Amino acid sequence: MDMLYNSDTYSVMHLQVQDDALAPVRPDVPALARHGFEIVDKRTGKELFLEGSWAEQFQAHLRAWQENAPTQEEVEDTLAGYAELAQNPVVVH
């Protein structure tokens, strides 16, 4: 799990599939089937998990940001578009 972005408004985590060589210490905890991105909208307290084609689309944004160093406003505007889809409340474990 890697923190990619963190501001007062949003946080973005990249969650990756665990390598078989690094089997979970706790077999009762399910492993991810595919990699994805978790976007948390801190204003609303909701989160969204992107996987599959949504994750691929988001990863394209990340690559573009690496090439063109966006402003924080540009990043936040992009994240706001995804955050509109968020429906799951953030739950602290």
PDB file of N, CA and C in Angstrom:
ATOM      1  N   MET A   1       0.849  -1.154   0.000  1.00  0.00           N
ATOM      2  CA  MET A   1       0.000   0.000   0.000  1.00  0.00           C
ATOM      3  C   MET A   1       0.902   1.226   0.000  1.00  0.00           C
ATOM      4  N   ASP A   2       0.670   2.123  -0.952  1.00  0.00           N
ATOM      5  CA  ASP A   2       1.480   3.328  -1.078  1.00  0.00           C
ATOM      6  C   ASP A   2       0.570   4.552  -1.071  1.00  0.00           C
ATOM      7  N   MET A   3       0.929   5.544  -0.245  1.00  0.00           N
ATOM      8  CA  MET A   3       0.215   6.817  -0.247  1.00  0.00           C
ATOM      9  C   MET A   3       0.740   7.619  -1.431  1.00  0.00           C
ATOM     10  N   LEU A   4      -0.147   7.983  -2.354  1.00  0.00           N
ATOM     11  CA  LEU A   4       0.256   8.733  -3.539  1.00  0.00           C
ATOM     12  C   LEU A   4      -0.001  10.217  -3.387  1.00  0.00           C
ATOM     13  N   TYR A   5      -1.035  10.563  -2.620  1.00  0.00           N
ATOM     14  CA  TYR A   5      -1.413  11.972  -2.496  1.00  0.00           C
ATOM     15  C   TYR A   5      -2.151  12.147  -1.185  1.00  0.00           C
ATOM     16  N   ASN A   6      -1.885  13.260  -0.518  1.00  0.00           N
ATOM     17  CA  ASN A   6      -2.571  13.549   0.726  1.00  0.00           C
ATOM     18  C   ASN A   6      -2.650  15.056   0.901  1.00  0.00           C
ATOM     19  N   SER A   7      -3.874  15.559   1.009  1.00  0.00           N
ATOM     20  CA  SER A   7      -4.099  16.985   1.239  1.00  0.00           C
ATOM     21  C   SER A   7      -5.180  17.123   2.299  1.00  0.00           C
ATOM     22  N   ASP A   8      -5.582  18.328   2.570  1.00  0.00           N
ATOM     23  CA  ASP A   8      -6.665  18.549   3.524  1.00  0.00           C
ATOM     24  C   ASP A   8      -7.996  18.018   2.993  1.00  0.00           C
ATOM     25  N   THR A   9      -8.094  17.849   1.685  1.00  0.00           N
ATOM     26  CA  THR A   9      -9.348  17.468   1.044  1.00  0.00           C
ATOM     27  C   THR A   9      -9.410  16.006   0.623  1.00  0.00           C
ATOM     28  N   TYR A  10      -8.313  15.476   0.071  1.00  0.00           N
ATOM     29  CA  TYR A  10      -8.298  14.119  -0.479  1.00  0.00           C
ATOM     30  C   TYR A  10      -7.054  13.355  -0.048  1.00  0.00           C
ATOM     31  N   SER A  11      -7.191  12.034  -0.049  1.00  0.00           N
ATOM     32  CA  SER A  11      -6.014  11.169   0.026  1.00  0.00           C
ATOM     33  C   SER A  11      -6.207  10.072  -1.017  1.00  0.00           C
ATOM     34  N   VAL A  12      -5.088   9.636  -1.577  1.00  0.00           N
ATOM     35  CA  VAL A  12      -5.104   8.592  -2.605  1.00  0.00           C
ATOM     36  C   VAL A  12      -4.070   7.544  -2.225  1.00  0.00           C
ATOM     37  N   MET A  13      -4.530   6.299  -2.173  1.00  0.00           N
ATOM     38  CA  MET A  13      -3.663   5.165  -1.871  1.00  0.00           C
ATOM     39  C   MET A  13      -3.649   4.220  -3.067  1.00  0.00           C
ATOM     40  N   HIS A  14      -2.478   3.635  -3.325  1.00  0.00           N
ATOM     41  CA  HIS A  14      -2.360   2.600  -4.354  1.00  0.00           C
ATOM     42  C   HIS A  14      -2.246   1.276  -3.620  1.00  0.00           C
ATOM     43  N   LEU A  15      -3.198   0.400  -3.819  1.00  0.00           N
ATOM     44  CA  LEU A  15      -3.196  -0.911  -3.186  1.00  0.00           C
ATOM     45  C   LEU A  15      -2.826  -1.933  -4.240  1.00  0.00           C
ATOM     46  N   GLN A  16      -1.828  -2.748  -3.934  1.00  0.00           N
ATOM     47  CA  GLN A  16      -1.317  -3.699  -4.907  1.00  0.00           C
ATOM     48  C   GLN A  16      -1.565  -5.127  -4.461  1.00  0.00           C
ATOM     49  N   VAL A  17      -1.690  -5.997  -5.438  1.00  0.00           N
ATOM     50  CA  VAL A  17      -1.858  -7.422  -5.180  1.00  0.00           C
ATOM     51  C   VAL A  17      -0.603  -7.924  -4.492  1.00  0.00           C
ATOM     52  N   GLN A  18      -0.814  -8.742  -3.481  1.00  0.00           N
ATOM     53  CA  GLN A  18       0.311  -9.279  -2.725  1.00  0.00           C
ATOM     54  C   GLN A  18       1.000 -10.383  -3.505  1.00  0.00           C
ATOM     55  N   ASP A  19       2.302 -10.358  -3.516  1.00  0.00           N
ATOM     56  CA  ASP A  19       3.109 -11.381  -4.164  1.00  0.00           C
ATOM     57  C   ASP A  19       2.934 -12.701  -3.409  1.00  0.00           C
ATOM     58  N   ASP A  20       2.781 -13.814  -4.138  1.00  0.00           N
ATOM     59  CA  ASP A  20       2.624 -15.128  -3.495  1.00  0.00           C
ATOM     60  C   ASP A  20       3.784 -15.458  -2.567  1.00  0.00           C
ATOM     61  N   ALA A  21       4.972 -14.960  -2.902  1.00  0.00           N
ATOM     62  CA  ALA A  21       6.136 -15.229  -2.065  1.00  0.00           C
ATOM     63  C   ALA A  21       6.006 -14.536  -0.710  1.00  0.00           C
ATOM     64  N   LEU A  22       5.165 -13.511  -0.675  1.00  0.00           N
ATOM     65  CA  LEU A  22       4.943 -12.778   0.570  1.00  0.00           C
ATOM     66  C   LEU A  22       3.539 -13.079   1.080  1.00  0.00           C
ATOM     67  N   ALA A  23       3.259 -14.340   1.279  1.00  0.00           N
ATOM     68  CA  ALA A  23       1.925 -14.779   1.713  1.00  0.00           C
ATOM     69  C   ALA A  23       1.502 -14.023   2.967  1.00  0.00           C
ATOM     70  N   PRO A  24       0.193 -13.761   3.094  1.00  0.00           N
ATOM     71  CA  PRO A  24      -0.269 -13.005   4.256  1.00  0.00           C
ATOM     72  C   PRO A  24       0.089 -13.700   5.565  1.00  0.00           C
ATOM     73  N   VAL A  25       0.439 -12.899   6.529  1.00  0.00           N
ATOM     74  CA  VAL A  25       0.753 -13.427   7.850  1.00  0.00           C
ATOM     75  C   VAL A  25      -0.517 -13.997   8.472  1.00  0.00           C
ATOM     76  N   ARG A  26      -1.643 -13.359   8.174  1.00  0.00           N
ATOM     77  CA  ARG A  26      -2.932 -13.821   8.691  1.00  0.00           C
ATOM     78  C   ARG A  26      -3.753 -14.375   7.530  1.00  0.00           C
ATOM     79  N   PRO A  27      -3.871 -15.679   7.418  1.00  0.00           N
ATOM     80  CA  PRO A  27      -4.614 -16.266   6.301  1.00  0.00           C
ATOM     81  C   PRO A  27      -6.108 -15.956   6.355  1.00  0.00           C
ATOM     82  N   ASP A  28      -6.631 -15.476   7.483  1.00  0.00           N
ATOM     83  CA  ASP A  28      -8.049 -15.143   7.587  1.00  0.00           C
ATOM     84  C   ASP A  28      -8.377 -13.785   6.966  1.00  0.00           C
ATOM     85  N   VAL A  29      -7.341 -13.025   6.588  1.00  0.00           N
ATOM     86  CA  VAL A  29      -7.546 -11.716   5.964  1.00  0.00           C
ATOM     87  C   VAL A  29      -7.477 -11.903   4.452  1.00  0.00           C
ATOM     88  N   PRO A  30      -8.553 -11.549   3.740  1.00  0.00           N
ATOM     89  CA  PRO A  30      -8.545 -11.757   2.294  1.00  0.00           C
ATOM     90  C   PRO A  30      -7.522 -10.872   1.587  1.00  0.00           C
ATOM     91  N   ALA A  31      -6.923 -11.404   0.545  1.00  0.00           N
ATOM     92  CA  ALA A  31      -5.949 -10.663  -0.258  1.00  0.00           C
ATOM     93  C   ALA A  31      -6.671 -10.028  -1.443  1.00  0.00           C
ATOM     94  N   LEU A  32      -6.105  -8.963  -1.968  1.00  0.00           N
ATOM     95  CA  LEU A  32      -6.678  -8.312  -3.146  1.00  0.00           C
ATOM     96  C   LEU A  32      -6.532  -9.208  -4.365  1.00  0.00           C
ATOM     97  N   ALA A  33      -7.543  -9.218  -5.209  1.00  0.00           N
ATOM     98  CA  ALA A  33      -7.476  -9.989  -6.449  1.00  0.00           C
ATOM     99  C   ALA A  33      -6.770  -9.185  -7.542  1.00  0.00           C
ATOM    100  N   ARG A  34      -6.946  -7.845  -7.500  1.00  0.00           N
ATOM    101  CA  ARG A  34      -6.347  -6.957  -8.499  1.00  0.00           C
ATOM    102  C   ARG A  34      -5.909  -5.674  -7.808  1.00  0.00           C
ATOM    103  N   HIS A  35      -4.953  -5.005  -8.431  1.00  0.00           N
ATOM    104  CA  HIS A  35      -4.519  -3.751  -7.843  1.00  0.00           C
ATOM    105  C   HIS A  35      -5.595  -2.694  -8.049  1.00  0.00           C
ATOM    106  N   GLY A  36      -5.520  -1.649  -7.248  1.00  0.00           N
ATOM    107  CA  GLY A  36      -6.495  -0.580  -7.387  1.00  0.00           C
ATOM    108  C   GLY A  36      -6.072   0.661  -6.625  1.00  0.00           C
ATOM    109  N   PHE A  37      -6.921   1.649  -6.663  1.00  0.00           N
ATOM    110  CA  PHE A  37      -6.659   2.924  -6.009  1.00  0.00           C
ATOM    111  C   PHE A  37      -7.837   3.268  -5.113  1.00  0.00           C
ATOM    112  N   GLU A  38      -7.528   3.708  -3.900  1.00  0.00           N
ATOM    113  CA  GLU A  38      -8.558   4.169  -2.985  1.00  0.00           C
ATOM    114  C   GLU A  38      -8.460   5.685  -2.908  1.00  0.00           C
ATOM    115  N   ILE A  39      -9.578   6.350  -3.183  1.00  0.00           N
ATOM    116  CA  ILE A  39      -9.644   7.802  -3.084  1.00  0.00           C
ATOM    117  C   ILE A  39     -10.593   8.125  -1.939  1.00  0.00           C
ATOM    118  N   VAL A  40     -10.097   8.908  -0.983  1.00  0.00           N
ATOM    119  CA  VAL A  40     -10.912   9.314   0.158  1.00  0.00           C
ATOM    120  C   VAL A  40     -11.193  10.809   0.045  1.00  0.00           C
ATOM    121  N   ASP A  41     -12.470  11.147   0.075  1.00  0.00           N
ATOM    122  CA  ASP A  41     -12.901  12.544   0.115  1.00  0.00           C
ATOM    123  C   ASP A  41     -13.072  12.893   1.587  1.00  0.00           C
ATOM    124  N   LYS A  42     -12.147  13.637   2.130  1.00  0.00           N
ATOM    125  CA  LYS A  42     -12.150  13.943   3.557  1.00  0.00           C
ATOM    126  C   LYS A  42     -13.287  14.887   3.937  1.00  0.00           C
ATOM    127  N   ARG A  43     -13.798  15.651   2.982  1.00  0.00           N
ATOM    128  CA  ARG A  43     -14.907  16.579   3.270  1.00  0.00           C
ATOM    129  C   ARG A  43     -16.197  15.835   3.556  1.00  0.00           C
ATOM    130  N   THR A  44     -16.434  14.764   2.807  1.00  0.00           N
ATOM    131  CA  THR A  44     -17.688  14.025   2.956  1.00  0.00           C
ATOM    132  C   THR A  44     -17.534  12.766   3.800  1.00  0.00           C
ATOM    133  N   GLY A  45     -16.278  12.355   4.039  1.00  0.00           N
ATOM    134  CA  GLY A  45     -16.047  11.128   4.804  1.00  0.00           C
ATOM    135  C   GLY A  45     -16.397   9.881   4.017  1.00  0.00           C
ATOM    136  N   LYS A  46     -16.270   9.968   2.683  1.00  0.00           N
ATOM    137  CA  LYS A  46     -16.583   8.817   1.828  1.00  0.00           C
ATOM    138  C   LYS A  46     -15.354   8.417   1.035  1.00  0.00           C
ATOM    139  N   GLU A  47     -15.341   7.131   0.643  1.00  0.00           N
ATOM    140  CA  GLU A  47     -14.221   6.614  -0.140  1.00  0.00           C
ATOM    141  C   GLU A  47     -14.704   5.850  -1.344  1.00  0.00           C
ATOM    142  N   LEU A  48     -13.779   5.699  -2.284  1.00  0.00           N
ATOM    143  CA  LEU A  48     -14.064   5.014  -3.540  1.00  0.00           C
ATOM    144  C   LEU A  48     -12.859   4.142  -3.863  1.00  0.00           C
ATOM    145  N   PHE A  49     -13.103   2.894  -4.256  1.00  0.00           N
ATOM    146  CA  PHE A  49     -12.027   2.001  -4.681  1.00  0.00           C
ATOM    147  C   PHE A  49     -12.142   1.805  -6.182  1.00  0.00           C
ATOM    148  N   LEU A  50     -11.099   2.167  -6.898  1.00  0.00           N
ATOM    149  CA  LEU A  50     -11.066   2.009  -8.355  1.00  0.00           C
ATOM    150  C   LEU A  50     -10.263   0.769  -8.706  1.00  0.00           C
ATOM    151  N   GLU A  51     -10.841  -0.105  -9.513  1.00  0.00           N
ATOM    152  CA  GLU A  51     -10.125  -1.278 -10.002  1.00  0.00           C
ATOM    153  C   GLU A  51     -10.494  -1.495 -11.457  1.00  0.00           C
ATOM    154  N   GLY A  52      -9.816  -2.405 -12.099  1.00  0.00           N
ATOM    155  CA  GLY A  52     -10.109  -2.709 -13.494  1.00  0.00           C
ATOM    156  C   GLY A  52      -9.894  -1.526 -14.408  1.00  0.00           C
ATOM    157  N   SER A  53     -10.834  -1.280 -15.317  1.00  0.00           N
ATOM    158  CA  SER A  53     -10.678  -0.202 -16.290  1.00  0.00           C
ATOM    159  C   SER A  53     -10.674   1.170 -15.623  1.00  0.00           C
ATOM    160  N   TRP A  54     -11.369   1.310 -14.488  1.00  0.00           N
ATOM    161  CA  TRP A  54     -11.342   2.579 -13.749  1.00  0.00           C
ATOM    162  C   TRP A  54      -9.934   2.843 -13.218  1.00  0.00           C
ATOM    163  N   ALA A  55      -9.288   1.800 -12.700  1.00  0.00           N
ATOM    164  CA  ALA A  55      -7.915   1.942 -12.193  1.00  0.00           C
ATOM    165  C   ALA A  55      -6.955   2.270 -13.338  1.00  0.00           C
ATOM    166  N   GLU A  56      -7.154   1.649 -14.487  1.00  0.00           N
ATOM    167  CA  GLU A  56      -6.305   1.924 -15.644  1.00  0.00           C
ATOM    168  C   GLU A  56      -6.460   3.378 -16.091  1.00  0.00           C
ATOM    169  N   GLN A  57      -7.685   3.874 -16.084  1.00  0.00           N
ATOM    170  CA  GLN A  57      -7.940   5.266 -16.453  1.00  0.00           C
ATOM    171  C   GLN A  57      -7.256   6.205 -15.449  1.00  0.00           C
ATOM    172  N   PHE A  58      -7.369   5.900 -14.162  1.00  0.00           N
ATOM    173  CA  PHE A  58      -6.747   6.735 -13.153  1.00  0.00           C
ATOM    174  C   PHE A  58      -5.228   6.687 -13.275  1.00  0.00           C
ATOM    175  N   GLN A  59      -4.685   5.511 -13.579  1.00  0.00           N
ATOM    176  CA  GLN A  59      -3.241   5.374 -13.739  1.00  0.00           C
ATOM    177  C   GLN A  59      -2.749   6.215 -14.920  1.00  0.00           C
ATOM    178  N   ALA A  60      -3.569   6.372 -15.941  1.00  0.00           N
ATOM    179  CA  ALA A  60      -3.218   7.240 -17.065  1.00  0.00           C
ATOM    180  C   ALA A  60      -3.099   8.692 -16.592  1.00  0.00           C
ATOM    181  N   HIS A  61      -3.980   9.103 -15.675  1.00  0.00           N
ATOM    182  CA  HIS A  61      -3.868  10.448 -15.083  1.00  0.00           C
ATOM    183  C   HIS A  61      -2.541  10.581 -14.339  1.00  0.00           C
ATOM    184  N   LEU A  62      -2.178   9.550 -13.582  1.00  0.00           N
ATOM    185  CA  LEU A  62      -0.932   9.595 -12.818  1.00  0.00           C
ATOM    186  C   LEU A  62       0.278   9.744 -13.741  1.00  0.00           C
ATOM    187  N   ARG A  63       0.282   8.997 -14.836  1.00  0.00           N
ATOM    188  CA  ARG A  63       1.393   9.096 -15.793  1.00  0.00           C
ATOM    189  C   ARG A  63       1.467  10.495 -16.391  1.00  0.00           C
ATOM    190  N   ALA A  64       0.319  11.053 -16.736  1.00  0.00           N
ATOM    191  CA  ALA A  64       0.293  12.408 -17.293  1.00  0.00           C
ATOM    192  C   ALA A  64       0.797  13.423 -16.266  1.00  0.00           C
ATOM    193  N   TRP A  65       0.433  13.220 -15.000  1.00  0.00           N
ATOM    194  CA  TRP A  65       0.900  14.130 -13.947  1.00  0.00           C
ATOM    195  C   TRP A  65       2.408  14.032 -13.774  1.00  0.00           C
ATOM    196  N   GLN A  66       2.973  12.842 -13.942  1.00  0.00           N
ATOM    197  CA  GLN A  66       4.420  12.688 -13.822  1.00  0.00           C
ATOM    198  C   GLN A  66       5.145  13.454 -14.922  1.00  0.00           C
ATOM    199  N   GLU A  67       4.537  13.506 -16.083  1.00  0.00           N
ATOM    200  CA  GLU A  67       5.158  14.190 -17.220  1.00  0.00           C
ATOM    201  C   GLU A  67       4.946  15.697 -17.177  1.00  0.00           C
ATOM    202  N   ASN A  68       3.812  16.152 -16.653  1.00  0.00           N
ATOM    203  CA  ASN A  68       3.443  17.564 -16.761  1.00  0.00           C
ATOM    204  C   ASN A  68       3.250  18.282 -15.433  1.00  0.00           C
ATOM    205  N   ALA A  69       3.714  17.747 -14.337  1.00  0.00           N
ATOM    206  CA  ALA A  69       3.655  18.365 -13.011  1.00  0.00           C
ATOM    207  C   ALA A  69       2.460  19.315 -12.846  1.00  0.00           C
ATOM    208  N   PRO A  70       1.288  18.779 -12.535  1.00  0.00           N
ATOM    209  CA  PRO A  70       0.101  19.617 -12.413  1.00  0.00           C
ATOM    210  C   PRO A  70       0.128  20.463 -11.136  1.00  0.00           C
ATOM    211  N   THR A  71      -0.720  21.477 -11.115  1.00  0.00           N
ATOM    212  CA  THR A  71      -0.887  22.260  -9.899  1.00  0.00           C
ATOM    213  C   THR A  71      -1.765  21.462  -8.933  1.00  0.00           C
ATOM    214  N   GLN A  72      -1.761  21.854  -7.681  1.00  0.00           N
ATOM    215  CA  GLN A  72      -2.611  21.176  -6.705  1.00  0.00           C
ATOM    216  C   GLN A  72      -4.077  21.335  -7.097  1.00  0.00           C
ATOM    217  N   GLU A  73      -4.433  22.470  -7.647  1.00  0.00           N
ATOM    218  CA  GLU A  73      -5.817  22.694  -8.076  1.00  0.00           C
ATOM    219  C   GLU A  73      -6.218  21.718  -9.181  1.00  0.00           C
ATOM    220  N   GLU A  74      -5.317  21.460 -10.128  1.00  0.00           N
ATOM    221  CA  GLU A  74      -5.612  20.506 -11.203  1.00  0.00           C
ATOM    222  C   GLU A  74      -5.794  19.093 -10.650  1.00  0.00           C
ATOM    223  N   VAL A  75      -4.945  18.714  -9.714  1.00  0.00           N
ATOM    224  CA  VAL A  75      -5.061  17.391  -9.097  1.00  0.00           C
ATOM    225  C   VAL A  75      -6.389  17.291  -8.350  1.00  0.00           C
ATOM    226  N   GLU A  76      -6.699  18.310  -7.558  1.00  0.00           N
ATOM    227  CA  GLU A  76      -7.924  18.292  -6.759  1.00  0.00           C
ATOM    228  C   GLU A  76      -9.169  18.282  -7.657  1.00  0.00           C
ATOM    229  N   ASP A  77      -9.122  18.986  -8.774  1.00  0.00           N
ATOM    230  CA  ASP A  77     -10.261  18.977  -9.706  1.00  0.00           C
ATOM    231  C   ASP A  77     -10.481  17.578 -10.282  1.00  0.00           C
ATOM    232  N   THR A  78      -9.395  16.893 -10.639  1.00  0.00           N
ATOM    233  CA  THR A  78      -9.512  15.530 -11.157  1.00  0.00           C
ATOM    234  C   THR A  78     -10.070  14.600 -10.085  1.00  0.00           C
ATOM    235  N   LEU A  79      -9.529  14.706  -8.871  1.00  0.00           N
ATOM    236  CA  LEU A  79     -10.004  13.858  -7.778  1.00  0.00           C
ATOM    237  C   LEU A  79     -11.463  14.146  -7.442  1.00  0.00           C
ATOM    238  N   ALA A  80     -11.879  15.383  -7.565  1.00  0.00           N
ATOM    239  CA  ALA A  80     -13.278  15.740  -7.299  1.00  0.00           C
ATOM    240  C   ALA A  80     -14.209  15.009  -8.264  1.00  0.00           C
ATOM    241  N   GLY A  81     -13.780  14.861  -9.519  1.00  0.00           N
ATOM    242  CA  GLY A  81     -14.589  14.132 -10.492  1.00  0.00           C
ATOM    243  C   GLY A  81     -14.785  12.682 -10.095  1.00  0.00           C
ATOM    244  N   TYR A  82     -13.738  12.047  -9.604  1.00  0.00           N
ATOM    245  CA  TYR A  82     -13.855  10.672  -9.133  1.00  0.00           C
ATOM    246  C   TYR A  82     -14.649  10.603  -7.832  1.00  0.00           C
ATOM    247  N   ALA A  83     -14.414  11.563  -6.948  1.00  0.00           N
ATOM    248  CA  ALA A  83     -15.055  11.548  -5.624  1.00  0.00           C
ATOM    249  C   ALA A  83     -16.576  11.656  -5.722  1.00  0.00           C
ATOM    250  N   GLU A  84     -17.069  12.198  -6.816  1.00  0.00           N
ATOM    251  CA  GLU A  84     -18.529  12.257  -7.013  1.00  0.00           C
ATOM    252  C   GLU A  84     -19.145  10.862  -7.017  1.00  0.00           C
ATOM    253  N   LEU A  85     -18.356   9.864  -7.365  1.00  0.00           N
ATOM    254  CA  LEU A  85     -18.827   8.492  -7.408  1.00  0.00           C
ATOM    255  C   LEU A  85     -18.784   7.798  -6.043  1.00  0.00           C
ATOM    256  N   ALA A  86     -18.081   8.403  -5.073  1.00  0.00           N
ATOM    257  CA  ALA A  86     -17.888   7.779  -3.759  1.00  0.00           C
ATOM    258  C   ALA A  86     -19.208   7.679  -3.002  1.00  0.00           C
ATOM    259  N   GLN A  87     -19.488   6.479  -2.487  1.00  0.00           N
ATOM    260  CA  GLN A  87     -20.696   6.260  -1.704  1.00  0.00           C
ATOM    261  C   GLN A  87     -20.415   5.553  -0.387  1.00  0.00           C
ATOM    262  N   ASN A  88     -19.232   4.939  -0.278  1.00  0.00           N
ATOM    263  CA  ASN A  88     -18.908   4.165   0.921  1.00  0.00           C
ATOM    264  C   ASN A  88     -18.371   5.076   2.010  1.00  0.00           C
ATOM    265  N   PRO A  89     -18.964   5.028   3.198  1.00  0.00           N
ATOM    266  CA  PRO A  89     -18.417   5.823   4.302  1.00  0.00           C
ATOM    267  C   PRO A  89     -17.059   5.268   4.721  1.00  0.00           C
ATOM    268  N   VAL A  90     -16.152   6.158   5.105  1.00  0.00           N
ATOM    269  CA  VAL A  90     -14.849   5.730   5.602  1.00  0.00           C
ATOM    270  C   VAL A  90     -15.066   5.120   6.976  1.00  0.00           C
ATOM    271  N   VAL A  91     -14.518   3.914   7.161  1.00  0.00           N
ATOM    272  CA  VAL A  91     -14.640   3.204   8.439  1.00  0.00           C
ATOM    273  C   VAL A  91     -13.229   2.966   8.951  1.00  0.00           C
ATOM    274  N   VAL A  92     -12.990   3.348  10.189  1.00  0.00           N
ATOM    275  CA  VAL A  92     -11.689   3.125  10.792  1.00  0.00           C
ATOM    276  C   VAL A  92     -11.720   1.744  11.432  1.00  0.00           C
ATOM    277  N   HIS A  93     -10.711   0.926  11.110  1.00  0.00           N
ATOM    278  CA  HIS A  93     -10.647  -0.442  11.623  1.00  0.00           C
ATOM    279  C   HIS A  93      -9.926  -0.457  12.943  1.00  0.00           C
TER     280      HIS A  93
END
